[in-house]
C-alpha atoms as a PDB file:
ATOM      1  CA  MET A   1     118.026  83.733  84.692  1.00  0.00           C
ATOM      2  CA  ARG A   2     116.335  86.738  86.297  1.00  0.00           C
ATOM      3  CA  ALA A   3     114.811  89.583  84.248  1.00  0.00           C
ATOM      4  CA  LEU A   4     113.643  93.009  85.365  1.00  0.00           C
ATOM      5  CA  VAL A   5     110.787  94.175  83.124  1.00  0.00           C
ATOM      6  CA  VAL A   6     109.833  97.851  82.816  1.00  0.00           C
ATOM      7  CA  SER A   7     107.680  99.817  80.433  1.00  0.00           C
ATOM      8  CA  ASP A   8     106.278 103.281  79.900  1.00  0.00           C
ATOM      9  CA  THR A   9     108.931 105.135  81.869  1.00  0.00           C
ATOM     10  CA  HIS A  10     108.290 108.367  79.902  1.00  0.00           C
ATOM     11  CA  LEU A  11     111.458 110.052  81.217  1.00  0.00           C
ATOM     12  CA  GLY A  12     113.284 112.831  79.438  1.00  0.00           C
ATOM     13  CA  PRO A  13     116.962 113.836  79.541  1.00  0.00           C
ATOM     14  CA  GLY A  14     118.477 113.832  83.020  1.00  0.00           C
ATOM     15  CA  GLN A  15     115.525 112.030  84.630  1.00  0.00           C
ATOM     16  CA  ALA A  16     116.849 108.436  84.655  1.00  0.00           C
ATOM     17  CA  PRO A  17     117.991 108.690  88.308  1.00  0.00           C
ATOM     18  CA  ARG A  18     114.306 108.960  89.301  1.00  0.00           C
ATOM     19  CA  LEU A  19     113.711 105.507  87.799  1.00  0.00           C
ATOM     20  CA  LEU A  20     116.792 104.002  89.448  1.00  0.00           C
ATOM     21  CA  ASP A  21     115.632 105.349  92.819  1.00  0.00           C
ATOM     22  CA  ARG A  22     112.307 103.563  92.380  1.00  0.00           C
ATOM     23  CA  LEU A  23     114.034 100.324  91.404  1.00  0.00           C
ATOM     24  CA  ALA A  24     116.222 100.301  94.529  1.00  0.00           C
ATOM     25  CA  GLY A  25     116.166  96.861  96.110  1.00  0.00           C
ATOM     26  CA  LEU A  26     114.807  95.150  92.983  1.00  0.00           C
ATOM     27  CA  THR A  27     117.934  95.021  90.855  1.00  0.00           C
ATOM     28  CA  GLU A  28     120.138  92.628  92.792  1.00  0.00           C
ATOM     29  CA  GLY A  29     120.743  89.437  90.831  1.00  0.00           C
ATOM     30  CA  VAL A  30     119.113  90.750  87.651  1.00  0.00           C
ATOM     31  CA  ASP A  31     120.698  89.211  84.535  1.00  0.00           C
ATOM     32  CA  VAL A  32     118.787  91.186  81.887  1.00  0.00           C
ATOM     33  CA  VAL A  33     116.490  94.212  81.687  1.00  0.00           C
ATOM     34  CA  LEU A  34     113.559  94.309  79.272  1.00  0.00           C
ATOM     35  CA  HIS A  35     111.950  97.671  78.432  1.00  0.00           C
ATOM     36  CA  ALA A  36     108.653  97.416  76.561  1.00  0.00           C
ATOM     37  CA  GLY A  37     108.686 100.901  75.086  1.00  0.00           C
ATOM     38  CA  ASP A  38     107.938 104.556  75.769  1.00  0.00           C
ATOM     39  CA  VAL A  39     111.504 105.010  76.949  1.00  0.00           C
ATOM     40  CA  VAL A  40     111.461 108.605  75.560  1.00  0.00           C
ATOM     41  CA  ASP A  41     115.188 109.323  76.108  1.00  0.00           C
ATOM     42  CA  THR A  42     118.184 107.020  75.548  1.00  0.00           C
ATOM     43  CA  SER A  43     119.686 108.061  78.893  1.00  0.00           C
ATOM     44  CA  VAL A  44     117.076 105.782  80.496  1.00  0.00           C
ATOM     45  CA  LEU A  45     118.452 102.780  78.593  1.00  0.00           C
ATOM     46  CA  ASP A  46     122.016 103.820  79.479  1.00  0.00           C
ATOM     47  CA  ALA A  47     121.099 103.949  83.181  1.00  0.00           C
ATOM     48  CA  LEU A  48     119.393 100.540  83.015  1.00  0.00           C
ATOM     49  CA  ALA A  49     122.456  99.103  81.260  1.00  0.00           C
ATOM     50  CA  ALA A  50     124.404  99.750  84.458  1.00  0.00           C
ATOM     51  CA  ILE A  51     122.173  97.080  86.041  1.00  0.00           C
ATOM     52  CA  ALA A  52     122.350  94.424  83.296  1.00  0.00           C
ATOM     53  CA  PRO A  53     122.207  94.129  79.491  1.00  0.00           C
ATOM     54  CA  VAL A  54     119.084  95.864  78.133  1.00  0.00           C
ATOM     55  CA  HIS A  55     116.682  94.909  75.348  1.00  0.00           C
ATOM     56  CA  ALA A  56     114.025  97.450  74.390  1.00  0.00           C
ATOM     57  CA  VAL A  57     111.325  98.022  71.798  1.00  0.00           C
ATOM     58  CA  LEU A  58     109.966 101.189  70.264  1.00  0.00           C
ATOM     59  CA  GLY A  59     106.947 102.785  71.933  1.00  0.00           C
ATOM     60  CA  ASN A  60     104.550 105.322  70.453  1.00  0.00           C
ATOM     61  CA  ASN A  61     106.346 108.125  72.374  1.00  0.00           C
ATOM     62  CA  ASP A  62     109.873 107.080  71.354  1.00  0.00           C
ATOM     63  CA  HIS A  63     110.428 109.644  68.624  1.00  0.00           C
ATOM     64  CA  GLY A  64     113.858 109.428  67.025  1.00  0.00           C
ATOM     65  CA  LEU A  65     115.001 106.367  68.974  1.00  0.00           C
ATOM     66  CA  ASP A  66     116.552 103.548  66.975  1.00  0.00           C
ATOM     67  CA  LEU A  67     114.708 100.594  68.516  1.00  0.00           C
ATOM     68  CA  PRO A  68     112.923  97.645  66.892  1.00  0.00           C
ATOM     69  CA  GLU A  69     109.126  97.537  66.939  1.00  0.00           C
ATOM     70  CA  ARG A  70     109.253  93.880  67.929  1.00  0.00           C
ATOM     71  CA  PHE A  71     111.867  91.762  69.648  1.00  0.00           C
ATOM     72  CA  GLU A  72     112.196  87.998  69.942  1.00  0.00           C
ATOM     73  CA  ARG A  73     115.144  85.934  71.129  1.00  0.00           C
ATOM     74  CA  ARG A  74     116.232  83.198  73.484  1.00  0.00           C
ATOM     75  CA  ILE A  75     117.125  84.491  76.929  1.00  0.00           C
ATOM     76  CA  GLY A  76     118.504  81.741  79.086  1.00  0.00           C
ATOM     77  CA  ALA A  77     116.345  78.694  78.535  1.00  0.00           C
ATOM     78  CA  CYS A  78     113.273  80.603  77.341  1.00  0.00           C
ATOM     79  CA  ARG A  79     112.109  82.283  74.170  1.00  0.00           C
ATOM     80  CA  VAL A  80     111.140  85.877  75.036  1.00  0.00           C
ATOM     81  CA  ALA A  81     109.252  88.311  72.787  1.00  0.00           C
ATOM     82  CA  MET A  82     108.359  91.948  73.245  1.00  0.00           C
ATOM     83  CA  VAL A  83     106.139  94.581  71.620  1.00  0.00           C
ATOM     84  CA  HIS A  84     104.927  97.916  72.988  1.00  0.00           C
ATOM     85  CA  ASP A  85     101.254  97.931  72.017  1.00  0.00           C
ATOM     86  CA  SER A  86      99.402  94.627  72.129  1.00  0.00           C
ATOM     87  CA  GLY A  87      96.196  96.148  70.791  1.00  0.00           C
ATOM     88  CA  PRO A  88      92.754  96.066  72.413  1.00  0.00           C
ATOM     89  CA  SER A  89      92.272  93.843  75.458  1.00  0.00           C
ATOM     90  CA  ALA A  90      89.578  91.869  73.601  1.00  0.00           C
ATOM     91  CA  GLY A  91      91.383  89.105  71.721  1.00  0.00           C
ATOM     92  CA  ARG A  92      94.802  89.985  73.170  1.00  0.00           C
ATOM     93  CA  ALA A  93      95.829  86.441  74.125  1.00  0.00           C
ATOM     94  CA  GLY A  94      95.149  85.039  70.661  1.00  0.00           C
ATOM     95  CA  ARG A  95      96.741  88.017  68.931  1.00  0.00           C
ATOM     96  CA  LEU A  96      99.966  87.733  70.959  1.00  0.00           C
ATOM     97  CA  ARG A  97     100.012  83.987  70.290  1.00  0.00           C
ATOM     98  CA  ARG A  98      99.677  84.643  66.532  1.00  0.00           C
ATOM     99  CA  TRP A  99     102.421  87.296  66.563  1.00  0.00           C
ATOM    100  CA  PHE A 100     104.827  85.195  68.650  1.00  0.00           C
ATOM    101  CA  PRO A 101     103.716  81.538  68.366  1.00  0.00           C
ATOM    102  CA  THR A 102     106.868  79.985  69.867  1.00  0.00           C
ATOM    103  CA  ALA A 103     107.540  82.533  72.638  1.00  0.00           C
ATOM    104  CA  ASP A 104     107.424  81.310  76.219  1.00  0.00           C
ATOM    105  CA  VAL A 105     107.004  84.877  77.479  1.00  0.00           C
ATOM    106  CA  VAL A 106     105.562  87.890  75.648  1.00  0.00           C
ATOM    107  CA  VAL A 107     106.139  91.294  77.248  1.00  0.00           C
ATOM    108  CA  PHE A 108     104.131  94.354  76.260  1.00  0.00           C
ATOM    109  CA  GLY A 109     103.288  97.778  77.667  1.00  0.00           C
ATOM    110  CA  HIS A 110     101.358 100.861  76.509  1.00  0.00           C
ATOM    111  CA  SER A 111      98.329 100.697  78.849  1.00  0.00           C
ATOM    112  CA  HIS A 112     100.235 101.220  82.128  1.00  0.00           C
ATOM    113  CA  ILE A 113      98.058  98.403  83.522  1.00  0.00           C
ATOM    114  CA  PRO A 114     100.018  95.545  85.140  1.00  0.00           C
ATOM    115  CA  TRP A 115      98.821  92.210  83.833  1.00  0.00           C
ATOM    116  CA  HIS A 116      99.882  88.587  83.695  1.00  0.00           C
ATOM    117  CA  GLU A 117      97.997  85.786  82.039  1.00  0.00           C
ATOM    118  CA  THR A 118      98.931  82.443  80.538  1.00  0.00           C
ATOM    119  CA  ASP A 119      97.745  81.046  77.239  1.00  0.00           C
ATOM    120  CA  ALA A 120      98.090  77.377  76.289  1.00  0.00           C
ATOM    121  CA  ASP A 121      97.949  76.339  72.646  1.00  0.00           C
ATOM    122  CA  ALA A 122      96.488  73.069  71.326  1.00  0.00           C
ATOM    123  CA  ALA A 123      99.852  71.333  71.775  1.00  0.00           C
ATOM    124  CA  GLY A 124     100.013  72.422  75.412  1.00  0.00           C
ATOM    125  CA  HIS A 125     102.721  75.090  74.999  1.00  0.00           C
ATOM    126  CA  VAL A 126     102.141  77.656  77.750  1.00  0.00           C
ATOM    127  CA  GLN A 127     102.860  81.286  76.954  1.00  0.00           C
ATOM    128  CA  HIS A 128     103.108  83.916  79.705  1.00  0.00           C
ATOM    129  CA  GLN A 129     101.808  87.304  78.584  1.00  0.00           C
ATOM    130  CA  VAL A 130     103.040  90.129  80.801  1.00  0.00           C
ATOM    131  CA  ASN A 131     102.532  93.873  81.070  1.00  0.00           C
ATOM    132  CA  PRO A 132     104.690  95.230  83.922  1.00  0.00           C
ATOM    133  CA  GLY A 133     102.614  98.409  84.254  1.00  0.00           C
ATOM    134  CA  SER A 134     104.615 101.602  84.615  1.00  0.00           C
ATOM    135  CA  ALA A 135     107.307 102.348  87.181  1.00  0.00           C
ATOM    136  CA  MET A 136     106.762 106.085  86.753  1.00  0.00           C
ATOM    137  CA  GLN A 137     103.127 106.826  85.796  1.00  0.00           C
ATOM    138  CA  ARG A 138     100.480 104.797  87.587  1.00  0.00           C
ATOM    139  CA  ARG A 139      97.594 106.581  85.838  1.00  0.00           C
ATOM    140  CA  SER A 140      94.437 104.815  87.084  1.00  0.00           C
ATOM    141  CA  GLN A 141      96.330 102.060  88.892  1.00  0.00           C
ATOM    142  CA  PRO A 142      96.824 102.099  92.667  1.00  0.00           C
ATOM    143  CA  ARG A 143     100.623 101.750  92.435  1.00  0.00           C
ATOM    144  CA  CYS A 144     103.516 102.085  90.025  1.00  0.00           C
ATOM    145  CA  THR A 145     104.847  98.623  89.145  1.00  0.00           C
ATOM    146  CA  VAL A 146     107.484  96.546  87.342  1.00  0.00           C
ATOM    147  CA  ALA A 147     107.711  92.811  86.748  1.00  0.00           C
ATOM    148  CA  LEU A 148     110.365  90.334  87.808  1.00  0.00           C
ATOM    149  CA  LEU A 149     110.710  87.162  85.761  1.00  0.00           C
ATOM    150  CA  THR A 150     112.571  84.025  86.684  1.00  0.00           C
ATOM    151  CA  LEU A 151     113.276  82.111  83.480  1.00  0.00           C
ATOM    152  CA  ALA A 152     114.221  78.491  83.993  1.00  0.00           C
ATOM    153  CA  PRO A 153     113.744  75.410  81.808  1.00  0.00           C
ATOM    154  CA  GLY A 154     110.121  74.352  82.245  1.00  0.00           C
ATOM    155  CA  ALA A 155     109.544  76.839  85.086  1.00  0.00           C
ATOM    156  CA  ILE A 156     108.722  80.492  84.501  1.00  0.00           C
ATOM    157  CA  GLU A 157     107.828  82.692  87.452  1.00  0.00           C
ATOM    158  CA  VAL A 158     106.232  86.113  86.934  1.00  0.00           C
ATOM    159  CA  ARG A 159     105.851  88.616  89.752  1.00  0.00           C
ATOM    160  CA  ILE A 160     104.290  92.062  89.376  1.00  0.00           C
ATOM    161  CA  VAL A 161     106.010  94.205  92.001  1.00  0.00           C
ATOM    162  CA  PRO A 162     105.098  97.675  93.289  1.00  0.00           C
ATOM    163  CA  VAL A 163     107.980 100.152  93.252  1.00  0.00           C
ATOM    164  CA  ALA A 164     108.869 102.710  95.883  1.00  0.00           C
ATOM    165  CA  THR A 165     107.369 106.105  95.139  1.00  0.00           C
ATOM    166  CA  PRO A 166     108.071 109.435  96.840  1.00  0.00           C
END
């Protein structure tokens, strides 16, 4: 199972093609798209749905969108969770583990800072915690990014990938 993970696209009506242009070459073989919030306009989710089924959560800029604040479900062989704002970086790993104790992967956004870390609990369950960065607004980061996940039983691969920018 292959997942494309995006967050913080911040695109208004009619702007979804800009995102799709940046994702060119990254969407082949994608089975699911995860959007960790700050979608801003539903046309972005509609455009992503042309790639694969989409799951999204509500971001702080998603006014009027009917999205859950948190998401958790089995995707392929893995339990995947998602929230937009993971809170301060201090204590993040423990906080995400408390919020989603059985998740194999927790996706979040908000900071626009790409990040991947693993957290193992006392029983040895490894949780991947992933922020894909932003495909549209790099802010202080050197590049705009997304994440690609390969979800297989007992083997999760996380890649933070720069996207093409004009």
